[in-house]
């Protein structure tokens, strides 16, 4: 089962389990749509893999299978230069 990490690894934007703005690679590195498309050009900076839209988890199933609550990759938000 996918972890559904709760935020973008680049900008820390919240990405709830039902978000249609989350992108992941095959290792589940997670990015918001803006970072994935504009900053990263759909290429994961960690593994060089392809970033694709993350499947959404239906709200009614989230109590049994909630998104990952921890933010293991939280970094300070990066400023655009």
PDB file of N, CA and C in Angstrom:
ATOM      1  N   UNK A   1       0.840  -1.170   0.000  1.00  0.00           N
ATOM      2  CA  UNK A   1       0.000   0.000   0.000  1.00  0.00           C
ATOM      3  C   UNK A   1       0.892   1.242   0.000  1.00  0.00           C
ATOM      4  N   UNK A   2       0.512   2.238  -0.783  1.00  0.00           N
ATOM      5  CA  UNK A   2       1.261   3.489  -0.826  1.00  0.00           C
ATOM      6  C   UNK A   2       1.202   4.205   0.522  1.00  0.00           C
ATOM      7  N   UNK A   3       2.301   4.848   0.888  1.00  0.00           N
ATOM      8  CA  UNK A   3       2.341   5.610   2.139  1.00  0.00           C
ATOM      9  C   UNK A   3       1.476   6.861   2.089  1.00  0.00           C
ATOM     10  N   UNK A   4       1.345   7.469   0.931  1.00  0.00           N
ATOM     11  CA  UNK A   4       0.664   8.758   0.778  1.00  0.00           C
ATOM     12  C   UNK A   4       1.271   9.791   1.721  1.00  0.00           C
ATOM     13  N   UNK A   5       2.502  10.109   1.456  1.00  0.00           N
ATOM     14  CA  UNK A   5       3.206  11.095   2.276  1.00  0.00           C
ATOM     15  C   UNK A   5       2.452  12.420   2.243  1.00  0.00           C
ATOM     16  N   UNK A   6       2.434  13.125   3.368  1.00  0.00           N
ATOM     17  CA  UNK A   6       1.518  14.253   3.530  1.00  0.00           C
ATOM     18  C   UNK A   6       1.955  15.598   2.982  1.00  0.00           C
ATOM     19  N   UNK A   7       3.177  15.683   2.421  1.00  0.00           N
ATOM     20  CA  UNK A   7       3.610  16.998   1.954  1.00  0.00           C
ATOM     21  C   UNK A   7       4.631  16.885   0.830  1.00  0.00           C
ATOM     22  N   UNK A   8       4.814  18.007   0.146  1.00  0.00           N
ATOM     23  CA  UNK A   8       5.781  18.092  -0.950  1.00  0.00           C
ATOM     24  C   UNK A   8       7.189  18.162  -0.373  1.00  0.00           C
ATOM     25  N   UNK A   9       8.088  17.374  -0.933  1.00  0.00           N
ATOM     26  CA  UNK A   9       9.473  17.365  -0.463  1.00  0.00           C
ATOM     27  C   UNK A   9      10.231  18.632  -0.834  1.00  0.00           C
ATOM     28  N   UNK A  10       9.725  19.405  -1.785  1.00  0.00           N
ATOM     29  CA  UNK A  10      10.394  20.658  -2.176  1.00  0.00           C
ATOM     30  C   UNK A  10       9.894  21.857  -1.380  1.00  0.00           C
ATOM     31  N   UNK A  11       8.580  22.033  -1.327  1.00  0.00           N
ATOM     32  CA  UNK A  11       8.031  23.274  -0.770  1.00  0.00           C
ATOM     33  C   UNK A  11       7.188  23.069   0.487  1.00  0.00           C
ATOM     34  N   UNK A  12       7.041  21.841   0.934  1.00  0.00           N
ATOM     35  CA  UNK A  12       6.276  21.504   2.142  1.00  0.00           C
ATOM     36  C   UNK A  12       4.770  21.734   2.016  1.00  0.00           C
ATOM     37  N   UNK A  13       4.265  21.901   0.818  1.00  0.00           N
ATOM     38  CA  UNK A  13       2.822  22.071   0.630  1.00  0.00           C
ATOM     39  C   UNK A  13       2.104  20.820   1.120  1.00  0.00           C
ATOM     40  N   UNK A  14       0.999  21.006   1.828  1.00  0.00           N
ATOM     41  CA  UNK A  14       0.200  19.876   2.293  1.00  0.00           C
ATOM     42  C   UNK A  14      -0.404  19.133   1.108  1.00  0.00           C
ATOM     43  N   UNK A  15      -0.332  17.804   1.154  1.00  0.00           N
ATOM     44  CA  UNK A  15      -0.887  16.953   0.103  1.00  0.00           C
ATOM     45  C   UNK A  15      -1.692  15.833   0.758  1.00  0.00           C
ATOM     46  N   UNK A  16      -2.942  16.115   1.133  1.00  0.00           N
ATOM     47  CA  UNK A  16      -3.760  15.082   1.771  1.00  0.00           C
ATOM     48  C   UNK A  16      -3.985  13.889   0.850  1.00  0.00           C
ATOM     49  N   UNK A  17      -4.433  12.801   1.413  1.00  0.00           N
ATOM     50  CA  UNK A  17      -4.603  11.560   0.667  1.00  0.00           C
ATOM     51  C   UNK A  17      -5.526  11.644  -0.529  1.00  0.00           C
ATOM     52  N   UNK A  18      -6.462  12.582  -0.507  1.00  0.00           N
ATOM     53  CA  UNK A  18      -7.393  12.714  -1.628  1.00  0.00           C
ATOM     54  C   UNK A  18      -6.980  13.823  -2.598  1.00  0.00           C
ATOM     55  N   UNK A  19      -5.759  14.335  -2.451  1.00  0.00           N
ATOM     56  CA  UNK A  19      -5.283  15.422  -3.309  1.00  0.00           C
ATOM     57  C   UNK A  19      -5.055  14.947  -4.741  1.00  0.00           C
ATOM     58  N   UNK A  20      -5.465  15.765  -5.689  1.00  0.00           N
ATOM     59  CA  UNK A  20      -5.184  15.459  -7.095  1.00  0.00           C
ATOM     60  C   UNK A  20      -3.969  16.245  -7.580  1.00  0.00           C
ATOM     61  N   UNK A  21      -3.226  16.848  -6.647  1.00  0.00           N
ATOM     62  CA  UNK A  21      -2.051  17.650  -6.992  1.00  0.00           C
ATOM     63  C   UNK A  21      -0.742  16.997  -6.572  1.00  0.00           C
ATOM     64  N   UNK A  22      -0.772  15.733  -6.178  1.00  0.00           N
ATOM     65  CA  UNK A  22       0.439  15.058  -5.722  1.00  0.00           C
ATOM     66  C   UNK A  22       1.048  14.212  -6.835  1.00  0.00           C
ATOM     67  N   UNK A  23       2.371  14.228  -6.909  1.00  0.00           N
ATOM     68  CA  UNK A  23       3.124  13.425  -7.867  1.00  0.00           C
ATOM     69  C   UNK A  23       4.125  12.584  -7.096  1.00  0.00           C
ATOM     70  N   UNK A  24       4.370  11.351  -7.565  1.00  0.00           N
ATOM     71  CA  UNK A  24       5.315  10.455  -6.903  1.00  0.00           C
ATOM     72  C   UNK A  24       6.205   9.765  -7.936  1.00  0.00           C
ATOM     73  N   UNK A  25       7.344   9.254  -7.445  1.00  0.00           N
ATOM     74  CA  UNK A  25       8.190   8.381  -8.259  1.00  0.00           C
ATOM     75  C   UNK A  25       7.965   6.951  -7.777  1.00  0.00           C
ATOM     76  N   UNK A  26       8.692   6.004  -8.315  1.00  0.00           N
ATOM     77  CA  UNK A  26       8.491   4.604  -7.929  1.00  0.00           C
ATOM     78  C   UNK A  26       8.932   4.321  -6.489  1.00  0.00           C
ATOM     79  N   UNK A  27       9.698   5.233  -5.885  1.00  0.00           N
ATOM     80  CA  UNK A  27      10.102   5.089  -4.482  1.00  0.00           C
ATOM     81  C   UNK A  27       9.194   5.888  -3.551  1.00  0.00           C
ATOM     82  N   UNK A  28       8.151   6.477  -4.099  1.00  0.00           N
ATOM     83  CA  UNK A  28       7.160   7.263  -3.374  1.00  0.00           C
ATOM     84  C   UNK A  28       7.673   8.611  -2.881  1.00  0.00           C
ATOM     85  N   UNK A  29       8.757   9.113  -3.469  1.00  0.00           N
ATOM     86  CA  UNK A  29       9.132  10.495  -3.203  1.00  0.00           C
ATOM     87  C   UNK A  29       7.935  11.320  -3.669  1.00  0.00           C
ATOM     88  N   UNK A  30       7.570  12.326  -2.906  1.00  0.00           N
ATOM     89  CA  UNK A  30       6.305  13.020  -3.134  1.00  0.00           C
ATOM     90  C   UNK A  30       6.512  14.512  -3.350  1.00  0.00           C
ATOM     91  N   UNK A  31       5.852  15.032  -4.380  1.00  0.00           N
ATOM     92  CA  UNK A  31       5.977  16.440  -4.737  1.00  0.00           C
ATOM     93  C   UNK A  31       4.618  16.989  -5.158  1.00  0.00           C
ATOM     94  N   UNK A  32       4.422  18.288  -4.969  1.00  0.00           N
ATOM     95  CA  UNK A  32       3.189  18.917  -5.448  1.00  0.00           C
ATOM     96  C   UNK A  32       3.280  19.078  -6.968  1.00  0.00           C
ATOM     97  N   UNK A  33       2.165  19.350  -7.577  1.00  0.00           N
ATOM     98  CA  UNK A  33       2.120  19.467  -9.037  1.00  0.00           C
ATOM     99  C   UNK A  33       3.040  20.573  -9.540  1.00  0.00           C
ATOM    100  N   UNK A  34       3.045  21.706  -8.861  1.00  0.00           N
ATOM    101  CA  UNK A  34       3.877  22.819  -9.311  1.00  0.00           C
ATOM    102  C   UNK A  34       5.360  22.452  -9.276  1.00  0.00           C
ATOM    103  N   UNK A  35       5.822  21.898  -8.166  1.00  0.00           N
ATOM    104  CA  UNK A  35       7.234  21.522  -8.074  1.00  0.00           C
ATOM    105  C   UNK A  35       7.573  20.415  -9.069  1.00  0.00           C
ATOM    106  N   UNK A  36       6.700  19.413  -9.181  1.00  0.00           N
ATOM    107  CA  UNK A  36       6.961  18.289 -10.085  1.00  0.00           C
ATOM    108  C   UNK A  36       7.083  18.747 -11.533  1.00  0.00           C
ATOM    109  N   UNK A  37       6.206  19.634 -11.950  1.00  0.00           N
ATOM    110  CA  UNK A  37       6.206  20.029 -13.361  1.00  0.00           C
ATOM    111  C   UNK A  37       7.128  21.205 -13.656  1.00  0.00           C
ATOM    112  N   UNK A  38       7.106  22.230 -12.809  1.00  0.00           N
ATOM    113  CA  UNK A  38       7.869  23.447 -13.091  1.00  0.00           C
ATOM    114  C   UNK A  38       9.328  23.349 -12.646  1.00  0.00           C
ATOM    115  N   UNK A  39       9.552  22.948 -11.425  1.00  0.00           N
ATOM    116  CA  UNK A  39      10.919  22.898 -10.892  1.00  0.00           C
ATOM    117  C   UNK A  39      11.679  21.658 -11.340  1.00  0.00           C
ATOM    118  N   UNK A  40      10.990  20.518 -11.322  1.00  0.00           N
ATOM    119  CA  UNK A  40      11.685  19.243 -11.509  1.00  0.00           C
ATOM    120  C   UNK A  40      11.505  18.628 -12.890  1.00  0.00           C
ATOM    121  N   UNK A  41      10.650  19.219 -13.709  1.00  0.00           N
ATOM    122  CA  UNK A  41      10.426  18.716 -15.068  1.00  0.00           C
ATOM    123  C   UNK A  41      10.054  17.229 -15.076  1.00  0.00           C
ATOM    124  N   UNK A  42       9.247  16.822 -14.078  1.00  0.00           N
ATOM    125  CA  UNK A  42       8.746  15.444 -13.936  1.00  0.00           C
ATOM    126  C   UNK A  42       9.854  14.403 -13.771  1.00  0.00           C
ATOM    127  N   UNK A  43      10.987  14.829 -13.175  1.00  0.00           N
ATOM    128  CA  UNK A  43      12.096  13.916 -12.900  1.00  0.00           C
ATOM    129  C   UNK A  43      12.453  14.020 -11.419  1.00  0.00           C
ATOM    130  N   UNK A  44      12.416  12.895 -10.718  1.00  0.00           N
ATOM    131  CA  UNK A  44      12.691  12.880  -9.286  1.00  0.00           C
ATOM    132  C   UNK A  44      14.146  13.286  -9.024  1.00  0.00           C
ATOM    133  N   UNK A  45      14.369  14.253  -8.133  1.00  0.00           N
ATOM    134  CA  UNK A  45      15.741  14.669  -7.840  1.00  0.00           C
ATOM    135  C   UNK A  45      16.495  13.653  -6.979  1.00  0.00           C
ATOM    136  N   UNK A  46      15.771  12.724  -6.376  1.00  0.00           N
ATOM    137  CA  UNK A  46      16.406  11.730  -5.499  1.00  0.00           C
ATOM    138  C   UNK A  46      16.878  10.493  -6.251  1.00  0.00           C
ATOM    139  N   UNK A  47      16.067  10.012  -7.200  1.00  0.00           N
ATOM    140  CA  UNK A  47      16.398   8.752  -7.885  1.00  0.00           C
ATOM    141  C   UNK A  47      16.454   8.894  -9.404  1.00  0.00           C
ATOM    142  N   UNK A  48      16.155  10.070  -9.918  1.00  0.00           N
ATOM    143  CA  UNK A  48      16.105  10.353 -11.361  1.00  0.00           C
ATOM    144  C   UNK A  48      14.956   9.643 -12.068  1.00  0.00           C
ATOM    145  N   UNK A  49      14.038   9.083 -11.293  1.00  0.00           N
ATOM    146  CA  UNK A  49      12.884   8.407 -11.879  1.00  0.00           C
ATOM    147  C   UNK A  49      11.812   9.384 -12.335  1.00  0.00           C
ATOM    148  N   UNK A  50      10.860   8.854 -13.067  1.00  0.00           N
ATOM    149  CA  UNK A  50       9.744   9.640 -13.586  1.00  0.00           C
ATOM    150  C   UNK A  50       8.770   9.983 -12.464  1.00  0.00           C
ATOM    151  N   UNK A  51       8.276  11.214 -12.461  1.00  0.00           N
ATOM    152  CA  UNK A  51       7.230  11.623 -11.528  1.00  0.00           C
ATOM    153  C   UNK A  51       5.887  11.531 -12.236  1.00  0.00           C
ATOM    154  N   UNK A  52       4.951  10.846 -11.598  1.00  0.00           N
ATOM    155  CA  UNK A  52       3.618  10.637 -12.171  1.00  0.00           C
ATOM    156  C   UNK A  52       2.565  11.029 -11.141  1.00  0.00           C
ATOM    157  N   UNK A  53       1.337  11.326 -11.581  1.00  0.00           N
ATOM    158  CA  UNK A  53       0.289  11.662 -10.610  1.00  0.00           C
ATOM    159  C   UNK A  53       0.081  10.521  -9.614  1.00  0.00           C
ATOM    160  N   UNK A  54      -0.010  10.883  -8.341  1.00  0.00           N
ATOM    161  CA  UNK A  54      -0.235   9.888  -7.289  1.00  0.00           C
ATOM    162  C   UNK A  54      -1.714   9.516  -7.248  1.00  0.00           C
ATOM    163  N   UNK A  55      -2.028   8.237  -7.126  1.00  0.00           N
ATOM    164  CA  UNK A  55      -3.437   7.853  -6.987  1.00  0.00           C
ATOM    165  C   UNK A  55      -4.020   8.481  -5.721  1.00  0.00           C
ATOM    166  N   UNK A  56      -5.291   8.819  -5.784  1.00  0.00           N
ATOM    167  CA  UNK A  56      -5.964   9.393  -4.615  1.00  0.00           C
ATOM    168  C   UNK A  56      -6.583   8.282  -3.782  1.00  0.00           C
ATOM    169  N   UNK A  57      -6.598   8.480  -2.482  1.00  0.00           N
ATOM    170  CA  UNK A  57      -7.254   7.541  -1.579  1.00  0.00           C
ATOM    171  C   UNK A  57      -8.619   8.127  -1.236  1.00  0.00           C
ATOM    172  N   UNK A  58      -9.665   7.353  -1.466  1.00  0.00           N
ATOM    173  CA  UNK A  58     -11.025   7.825  -1.216  1.00  0.00           C
ATOM    174  C   UNK A  58     -11.195   8.210   0.249  1.00  0.00           C
ATOM    175  N   UNK A  59     -11.905   9.301   0.479  1.00  0.00           N
ATOM    176  CA  UNK A  59     -12.110   9.779   1.846  1.00  0.00           C
ATOM    177  C   UNK A  59     -12.741   8.724   2.742  1.00  0.00           C
ATOM    178  N   UNK A  60     -13.656   7.925   2.191  1.00  0.00           N
ATOM    179  CA  UNK A  60     -14.331   6.930   3.027  1.00  0.00           C
ATOM    180  C   UNK A  60     -13.411   5.794   3.469  1.00  0.00           C
ATOM    181  N   UNK A  61     -12.278   5.595   2.796  1.00  0.00           N
ATOM    182  CA  UNK A  61     -11.342   4.545   3.214  1.00  0.00           C
ATOM    183  C   UNK A  61     -10.227   5.083   4.095  1.00  0.00           C
ATOM    184  N   UNK A  62     -10.113   6.384   4.230  1.00  0.00           N
ATOM    185  CA  UNK A  62      -9.009   6.945   5.001  1.00  0.00           C
ATOM    186  C   UNK A  62      -9.028   6.586   6.485  1.00  0.00           C
ATOM    187  N   UNK A  63     -10.187   6.403   7.141  1.00  0.00           N
ATOM    188  CA  UNK A  63     -10.116   5.986   8.542  1.00  0.00           C
ATOM    189  C   UNK A  63      -9.430   4.626   8.727  1.00  0.00           C
ATOM    190  N   UNK A  64      -9.610   3.689   7.793  1.00  0.00           N
ATOM    191  CA  UNK A  64      -8.968   2.380   7.894  1.00  0.00           C
ATOM    192  C   UNK A  64      -7.526   2.420   7.385  1.00  0.00           C
ATOM    193  N   UNK A  65      -7.249   3.270   6.426  1.00  0.00           N
ATOM    194  CA  UNK A  65      -5.920   3.371   5.805  1.00  0.00           C
ATOM    195  C   UNK A  65      -5.534   4.839   5.668  1.00  0.00           C
ATOM    196  N   UNK A  66      -5.239   5.489   6.790  1.00  0.00           N
ATOM    197  CA  UNK A  66      -4.944   6.925   6.711  1.00  0.00           C
ATOM    198  C   UNK A  66      -3.617   7.203   6.019  1.00  0.00           C
ATOM    199  N   UNK A  67      -3.472   8.408   5.460  1.00  0.00           N
ATOM    200  CA  UNK A  67      -2.177   8.799   4.902  1.00  0.00           C
ATOM    201  C   UNK A  67      -1.121   8.807   6.000  1.00  0.00           C
ATOM    202  N   UNK A  68       0.117   8.695   5.613  1.00  0.00           N
ATOM    203  CA  UNK A  68       1.235   8.722   6.549  1.00  0.00           C
ATOM    204  C   UNK A  68       1.226  10.055   7.304  1.00  0.00           C
ATOM    205  N   UNK A  69       1.206  10.043   8.653  1.00  0.00           N
ATOM    206  CA  UNK A  69       1.150  11.299   9.397  1.00  0.00           C
ATOM    207  C   UNK A  69       2.503  11.994   9.531  1.00  0.00           C
ATOM    208  N   UNK A  70       3.581  11.226   9.509  1.00  0.00           N
ATOM    209  CA  UNK A  70       4.900  11.821   9.695  1.00  0.00           C
ATOM    210  C   UNK A  70       5.386  12.483   8.423  1.00  0.00           C
ATOM    211  N   UNK A  71       6.222  13.469   8.600  1.00  0.00           N
ATOM    212  CA  UNK A  71       6.806  14.200   7.483  1.00  0.00           C
ATOM    213  C   UNK A  71       8.316  13.976   7.518  1.00  0.00           C
ATOM    214  N   UNK A  72       8.758  12.785   7.078  1.00  0.00           N
ATOM    215  CA  UNK A  72      10.175  12.439   7.223  1.00  0.00           C
ATOM    216  C   UNK A  72      11.122  13.296   6.408  1.00  0.00           C
ATOM    217  N   UNK A  73      10.650  13.882   5.347  1.00  0.00           N
ATOM    218  CA  UNK A  73      11.530  14.653   4.469  1.00  0.00           C
ATOM    219  C   UNK A  73      11.279  16.144   4.551  1.00  0.00           C
ATOM    220  N   UNK A  74      10.676  16.593   5.636  1.00  0.00           N
ATOM    221  CA  UNK A  74      10.355  18.007   5.738  1.00  0.00           C
ATOM    222  C   UNK A  74      11.634  18.829   5.759  1.00  0.00           C
ATOM    223  N   UNK A  75      11.670  19.770   4.865  1.00  0.00           N
ATOM    224  CA  UNK A  75      12.799  20.689   4.752  1.00  0.00           C
ATOM    225  C   UNK A  75      12.246  22.104   4.804  1.00  0.00           C
ATOM    226  N   UNK A  76      13.080  23.064   5.134  1.00  0.00           N
ATOM    227  CA  UNK A  76      12.597  24.447   5.050  1.00  0.00           C
ATOM    228  C   UNK A  76      12.156  24.743   3.621  1.00  0.00           C
ATOM    229  N   UNK A  77      11.096  25.494   3.478  1.00  0.00           N
ATOM    230  CA  UNK A  77      10.601  25.844   2.147  1.00  0.00           C
ATOM    231  C   UNK A  77      11.688  26.559   1.363  1.00  0.00           C
ATOM    232  N   UNK A  78      11.841  26.170   0.102  1.00  0.00           N
ATOM    233  CA  UNK A  78      12.841  26.789  -0.760  1.00  0.00           C
ATOM    234  C   UNK A  78      12.244  28.011  -1.426  1.00  0.00           C
ATOM    235  N   UNK A  79      13.043  29.043  -1.517  1.00  0.00           N
ATOM    236  CA  UNK A  79      12.589  30.250  -2.187  1.00  0.00           C
ATOM    237  C   UNK A  79      12.953  30.176  -3.656  1.00  0.00           C
ATOM    238  N   UNK A  80      12.063  30.701  -4.497  1.00  0.00           N
ATOM    239  CA  UNK A  80      12.367  30.786  -5.925  1.00  0.00           C
ATOM    240  C   UNK A  80      13.344  31.923  -6.148  1.00  0.00           C
ATOM    241  N   UNK A  81      14.337  31.676  -6.960  1.00  0.00           N
ATOM    242  CA  UNK A  81      15.335  32.715  -7.263  1.00  0.00           C
ATOM    243  C   UNK A  81      15.147  33.208  -8.662  1.00  0.00           C
TER     244      UNK A  81
END
